[in-house]
Amino acid sequence: MNAPRSGPTNLAARMRIRPARADEATALTELSLRSKAVWGYPPSFMARCRAAMTLKVEAIERQPHYVAEADGTLLGFYGLEPEEGGVGLDYLFVAPEAIGQGVGRALWEHAVATARRLGHACLVVVSDPNAEGFYRRMGARPAGARPSELQPGRYLPVLRLPLR
């Protein structure tokens, strides 16, 4: 007899979201790169991503960063950063093996609640183009685009979610 699969309900029941620790910066950077790689970007682009996506210990210490974990395994994380007119979603990444199991939604809902609790008027997301659909399903609305720091001529969708 096969063991039951660990689906969204089972994972969600075991998952908890807690503040990130500074000593997790390297592990979270690696998780973010594995997550971004699911979109099939070429190695040259991913190499440029490493520099831009390296999570700094100082950021974890100064700004809200939270991780989702289950059974001691990091499943995903997010961070907030200052942004004009609100607060920015600096990171939201889910480990590839946990995608589609409710981790991203749980992290998003936690980020929205955290931003509201901190008194921000708006949550701003500068998204990977492939993740834009997720943020739109979560209620964020298109608000323009910003040029990518990693590739000339590439633009990243900007989305906003009013919090009040």
C-alpha atoms as a PDB file:
ATOM      1  CA  MET A   1       0.000   0.000   0.000  1.00  0.00           C
ATOM      2  CA  ASN A   2       1.311   3.473  -0.874  1.00  0.00           C
ATOM      3  CA  ALA A   3       1.775   6.125   1.801  1.00  0.00           C
ATOM      4  CA  PRO A   4      -0.606   9.100   1.481  1.00  0.00           C
ATOM      5  CA  ARG A   5       0.787  12.018  -0.488  1.00  0.00           C
ATOM      6  CA  SER A   6       1.614  15.167   1.396  1.00  0.00           C
ATOM      7  CA  GLY A   7      -0.903  17.502  -0.237  1.00  0.00           C
ATOM      8  CA  PRO A   8      -1.855  21.085   0.570  1.00  0.00           C
ATOM      9  CA  THR A   9      -3.925  20.156   3.610  1.00  0.00           C
ATOM     10  CA  ASN A  10      -1.259  17.966   5.217  1.00  0.00           C
ATOM     11  CA  LEU A  11       1.496  20.485   4.596  1.00  0.00           C
ATOM     12  CA  ALA A  12      -0.634  23.414   5.741  1.00  0.00           C
ATOM     13  CA  ALA A  13      -1.410  21.590   8.980  1.00  0.00           C
ATOM     14  CA  ARG A  14       2.289  21.089   9.721  1.00  0.00           C
ATOM     15  CA  MET A  15       3.500  24.475   8.470  1.00  0.00           C
ATOM     16  CA  ARG A  16       4.240  27.425  10.697  1.00  0.00           C
ATOM     17  CA  ILE A  17       5.380  30.940   9.822  1.00  0.00           C
ATOM     18  CA  ARG A  18       7.966  32.502  12.096  1.00  0.00           C
ATOM     19  CA  PRO A  19      10.461  35.386  11.995  1.00  0.00           C
ATOM     20  CA  ALA A  20      13.545  34.662   9.899  1.00  0.00           C
ATOM     21  CA  ARG A  21      16.882  34.447  11.683  1.00  0.00           C
ATOM     22  CA  ALA A  22      19.999  36.241  10.467  1.00  0.00           C
ATOM     23  CA  ASP A  23      21.902  32.938  10.347  1.00  0.00           C
ATOM     24  CA  GLU A  24      19.418  31.716   7.686  1.00  0.00           C
ATOM     25  CA  ALA A  25      20.432  34.325   5.083  1.00  0.00           C
ATOM     26  CA  THR A  26      22.487  31.878   2.998  1.00  0.00           C
ATOM     27  CA  ALA A  27      19.857  29.118   3.101  1.00  0.00           C
ATOM     28  CA  LEU A  28      17.131  31.604   2.134  1.00  0.00           C
ATOM     29  CA  THR A  29      19.233  32.932  -0.745  1.00  0.00           C
ATOM     30  CA  GLU A  30      19.669  29.382  -2.046  1.00  0.00           C
ATOM     31  CA  LEU A  31      15.928  28.713  -1.673  1.00  0.00           C
ATOM     32  CA  SER A  32      15.116  31.890  -3.640  1.00  0.00           C
ATOM     33  CA  LEU A  33      17.458  30.891  -6.476  1.00  0.00           C
ATOM     34  CA  ARG A  34      16.037  27.352  -6.656  1.00  0.00           C
ATOM     35  CA  SER A  35      12.554  28.866  -6.725  1.00  0.00           C
ATOM     36  CA  LYS A  36      13.377  31.359  -9.479  1.00  0.00           C
ATOM     37  CA  ALA A  37      15.018  28.617 -11.546  1.00  0.00           C
ATOM     38  CA  VAL A  38      11.670  26.806 -11.938  1.00  0.00           C
ATOM     39  CA  TRP A  39      10.825  29.346 -14.646  1.00  0.00           C
ATOM     40  CA  GLY A  40      13.557  27.883 -16.866  1.00  0.00           C
ATOM     41  CA  TYR A  41      15.869  30.889 -16.989  1.00  0.00           C
ATOM     42  CA  PRO A  42      19.265  30.270 -18.617  1.00  0.00           C
ATOM     43  CA  PRO A  43      22.336  29.822 -16.385  1.00  0.00           C
ATOM     44  CA  SER A  44      23.755  33.222 -17.437  1.00  0.00           C
ATOM     45  CA  PHE A  45      20.622  34.990 -16.198  1.00  0.00           C
ATOM     46  CA  MET A  46      20.565  32.951 -12.976  1.00  0.00           C
ATOM     47  CA  ALA A  47      24.199  33.921 -12.327  1.00  0.00           C
ATOM     48  CA  ARG A  48      23.190  37.591 -12.517  1.00  0.00           C
ATOM     49  CA  CYS A  49      20.252  36.843 -10.218  1.00  0.00           C
ATOM     50  CA  ARG A  50      22.579  35.511  -7.513  1.00  0.00           C
ATOM     51  CA  ALA A  51      24.134  38.940  -6.944  1.00  0.00           C
ATOM     52  CA  ALA A  52      20.771  40.738  -6.889  1.00  0.00           C
ATOM     53  CA  MET A  53      18.979  38.097  -4.799  1.00  0.00           C
ATOM     54  CA  THR A  54      21.587  37.473  -2.121  1.00  0.00           C
ATOM     55  CA  LEU A  55      19.744  38.079   1.129  1.00  0.00           C
ATOM     56  CA  LYS A  56      21.721  40.312   3.458  1.00  0.00           C
ATOM     57  CA  VAL A  57      21.897  39.606   7.183  1.00  0.00           C
ATOM     58  CA  GLU A  58      21.321  43.331   7.792  1.00  0.00           C
ATOM     59  CA  ALA A  59      18.018  43.194   5.893  1.00  0.00           C
ATOM     60  CA  ILE A  60      16.761  40.347   8.083  1.00  0.00           C
ATOM     61  CA  GLU A  61      17.798  42.255  11.191  1.00  0.00           C
ATOM     62  CA  ARG A  62      16.248  45.615  10.141  1.00  0.00           C
ATOM     63  CA  GLN A  63      13.110  44.726   8.202  1.00  0.00           C
ATOM     64  CA  PRO A  64      10.366  42.130   8.672  1.00  0.00           C
ATOM     65  CA  HIS A  65      11.348  38.774   7.179  1.00  0.00           C
ATOM     66  CA  TYR A  66       9.409  35.576   7.833  1.00  0.00           C
ATOM     67  CA  VAL A  67       9.890  31.935   6.899  1.00  0.00           C
ATOM     68  CA  ALA A  68       7.426  29.106   6.433  1.00  0.00           C
ATOM     69  CA  GLU A  69       8.676  25.777   7.692  1.00  0.00           C
ATOM     70  CA  ALA A  70       7.377  22.308   8.419  1.00  0.00           C
ATOM     71  CA  ASP A  71       9.181  19.572  10.263  1.00  0.00           C
ATOM     72  CA  GLY A  72      12.329  21.728  10.379  1.00  0.00           C
ATOM     73  CA  THR A  73      12.408  22.226   6.588  1.00  0.00           C
ATOM     74  CA  LEU A  74      12.326  25.718   5.072  1.00  0.00           C
ATOM     75  CA  LEU A  75       9.418  25.890   2.634  1.00  0.00           C
ATOM     76  CA  GLY A  76       9.500  29.565   1.681  1.00  0.00           C
ATOM     77  CA  PHE A  77       9.963  33.097   2.936  1.00  0.00           C
ATOM     78  CA  TYR A  78       9.136  36.715   2.392  1.00  0.00           C
ATOM     79  CA  GLY A  79      10.603  40.060   3.348  1.00  0.00           C
ATOM     80  CA  LEU A  80       9.255  43.591   3.459  1.00  0.00           C
ATOM     81  CA  GLU A  81      11.201  46.726   2.562  1.00  0.00           C
ATOM     82  CA  PRO A  82      10.519  50.476   2.512  1.00  0.00           C
ATOM     83  CA  GLU A  83       8.718  51.571  -0.638  1.00  0.00           C
ATOM     84  CA  GLU A  84       7.330  54.944  -1.650  1.00  0.00           C
ATOM     85  CA  GLY A  85       3.628  55.090  -0.870  1.00  0.00           C
ATOM     86  CA  GLY A  86       3.589  51.927   1.230  1.00  0.00           C
ATOM     87  CA  VAL A  87       5.756  48.914   1.891  1.00  0.00           C
ATOM     88  CA  GLY A  88       7.401  46.690  -0.693  1.00  0.00           C
ATOM     89  CA  LEU A  89       7.363  42.924  -0.868  1.00  0.00           C
ATOM     90  CA  ASP A  90      11.121  42.468  -1.145  1.00  0.00           C
ATOM     91  CA  TYR A  91      10.994  38.683  -1.461  1.00  0.00           C
ATOM     92  CA  LEU A  92       8.371  35.966  -1.648  1.00  0.00           C
ATOM     93  CA  PHE A  93       9.768  32.606  -2.676  1.00  0.00           C
ATOM     94  CA  VAL A  94       8.582  29.050  -2.208  1.00  0.00           C
ATOM     95  CA  ALA A  95      10.835  25.992  -2.380  1.00  0.00           C
ATOM     96  CA  PRO A  96      10.166  24.163  -5.668  1.00  0.00           C
ATOM     97  CA  GLU A  97       9.095  20.999  -3.862  1.00  0.00           C
ATOM     98  CA  ALA A  98       6.437  22.987  -1.938  1.00  0.00           C
ATOM     99  CA  ILE A  99       4.971  24.941  -4.875  1.00  0.00           C
ATOM    100  CA  GLY A 100       1.239  24.358  -5.278  1.00  0.00           C
ATOM    101  CA  GLN A 101       0.728  23.306  -1.676  1.00  0.00           C
ATOM    102  CA  GLY A 102      -0.556  26.579  -0.208  1.00  0.00           C
ATOM    103  CA  VAL A 103       2.787  27.913   1.047  1.00  0.00           C
ATOM    104  CA  GLY A 104       2.818  30.954  -1.239  1.00  0.00           C
ATOM    105  CA  ARG A 105      -0.753  31.884  -0.325  1.00  0.00           C
ATOM    106  CA  ALA A 106       0.000  31.508   3.400  1.00  0.00           C
ATOM    107  CA  LEU A 107       3.117  33.672   3.101  1.00  0.00           C
ATOM    108  CA  TRP A 108       1.194  36.300   1.082  1.00  0.00           C
ATOM    109  CA  GLU A 109      -1.609  36.446   3.640  1.00  0.00           C
ATOM    110  CA  HIS A 110       0.947  36.749   6.450  1.00  0.00           C
ATOM    111  CA  ALA A 111       2.767  39.547   4.572  1.00  0.00           C
ATOM    112  CA  VAL A 112      -0.495  41.448   4.036  1.00  0.00           C
ATOM    113  CA  ALA A 113      -1.426  41.084   7.712  1.00  0.00           C
ATOM    114  CA  THR A 114       2.063  42.169   8.796  1.00  0.00           C
ATOM    115  CA  ALA A 115       2.016  45.234   6.520  1.00  0.00           C
ATOM    116  CA  ARG A 116      -1.427  46.210   7.846  1.00  0.00           C
ATOM    117  CA  ARG A 117      -0.344  45.702  11.466  1.00  0.00           C
ATOM    118  CA  LEU A 118       2.642  47.990  10.805  1.00  0.00           C
ATOM    119  CA  GLY A 119       0.253  50.681   9.526  1.00  0.00           C
ATOM    120  CA  HIS A 120       1.157  50.728   5.826  1.00  0.00           C
ATOM    121  CA  ALA A 121      -1.391  52.006   3.320  1.00  0.00           C
ATOM    122  CA  CYS A 122      -0.319  49.828   0.399  1.00  0.00           C
ATOM    123  CA  LEU A 123       1.704  46.716  -0.398  1.00  0.00           C
ATOM    124  CA  VAL A 124       3.828  47.136  -3.546  1.00  0.00           C
ATOM    125  CA  VAL A 125       5.126  44.139  -5.493  1.00  0.00           C
ATOM    126  CA  VAL A 126       7.763  44.313  -8.217  1.00  0.00           C
ATOM    127  CA  SER A 127       7.196  40.851  -9.651  1.00  0.00           C
ATOM    128  CA  ASP A 128       8.970  38.371 -11.832  1.00  0.00           C
ATOM    129  CA  PRO A 129       6.792  38.363 -14.978  1.00  0.00           C
ATOM    130  CA  ASN A 130       6.079  34.661 -14.446  1.00  0.00           C
ATOM    131  CA  ALA A 131       4.730  35.267 -10.920  1.00  0.00           C
ATOM    132  CA  GLU A 132       2.437  38.167 -11.834  1.00  0.00           C
ATOM    133  CA  GLY A 133      -0.579  35.867 -12.155  1.00  0.00           C
ATOM    134  CA  PHE A 134      -0.126  34.657  -8.571  1.00  0.00           C
ATOM    135  CA  TYR A 135      -0.124  38.201  -7.188  1.00  0.00           C
ATOM    136  CA  ARG A 136      -3.161  39.117  -9.283  1.00  0.00           C
ATOM    137  CA  ARG A 137      -5.021  36.067  -7.917  1.00  0.00           C
ATOM    138  CA  MET A 138      -4.101  37.302  -4.432  1.00  0.00           C
ATOM    139  CA  GLY A 139      -5.835  40.627  -5.158  1.00  0.00           C
ATOM    140  CA  ALA A 140      -2.925  42.877  -6.201  1.00  0.00           C
ATOM    141  CA  ARG A 141      -3.626  45.080  -9.205  1.00  0.00           C
ATOM    142  CA  PRO A 142      -1.301  46.181 -12.027  1.00  0.00           C
ATOM    143  CA  ALA A 143       0.375  49.544 -11.416  1.00  0.00           C
ATOM    144  CA  GLY A 144       2.963  49.842 -14.181  1.00  0.00           C
ATOM    145  CA  ALA A 145       6.396  48.360 -14.733  1.00  0.00           C
ATOM    146  CA  ARG A 146      10.009  48.949 -13.720  1.00  0.00           C
ATOM    147  CA  PRO A 147      13.145  48.248 -15.708  1.00  0.00           C
ATOM    148  CA  SER A 148      15.027  45.151 -14.615  1.00  0.00           C
ATOM    149  CA  GLU A 149      18.420  45.697 -12.993  1.00  0.00           C
ATOM    150  CA  LEU A 150      19.589  42.403 -14.497  1.00  0.00           C
ATOM    151  CA  GLN A 151      18.729  42.645 -18.171  1.00  0.00           C
ATOM    152  CA  PRO A 152      18.465  45.731 -20.374  1.00  0.00           C
ATOM    153  CA  GLY A 153      15.106  45.988 -22.116  1.00  0.00           C
ATOM    154  CA  ARG A 154      13.380  43.709 -19.597  1.00  0.00           C
ATOM    155  CA  TYR A 155      10.566  45.203 -17.536  1.00  0.00           C
ATOM    156  CA  LEU A 156       9.094  43.849 -14.330  1.00  0.00           C
ATOM    157  CA  PRO A 157       5.398  44.211 -13.539  1.00  0.00           C
ATOM    158  CA  VAL A 158       4.523  46.417 -10.566  1.00  0.00           C
ATOM    159  CA  LEU A 159       1.405  45.531  -8.616  1.00  0.00           C
ATOM    160  CA  ARG A 160      -0.270  47.235  -5.675  1.00  0.00           C
ATOM    161  CA  LEU A 161      -2.626  46.030  -2.974  1.00  0.00           C
ATOM    162  CA  PRO A 162      -4.364  48.752  -0.942  1.00  0.00           C
ATOM    163  CA  LEU A 163      -4.280  47.852   2.750  1.00  0.00           C
ATOM    164  CA  ARG A 164      -6.845  50.317   4.096  1.00  0.00           C
END
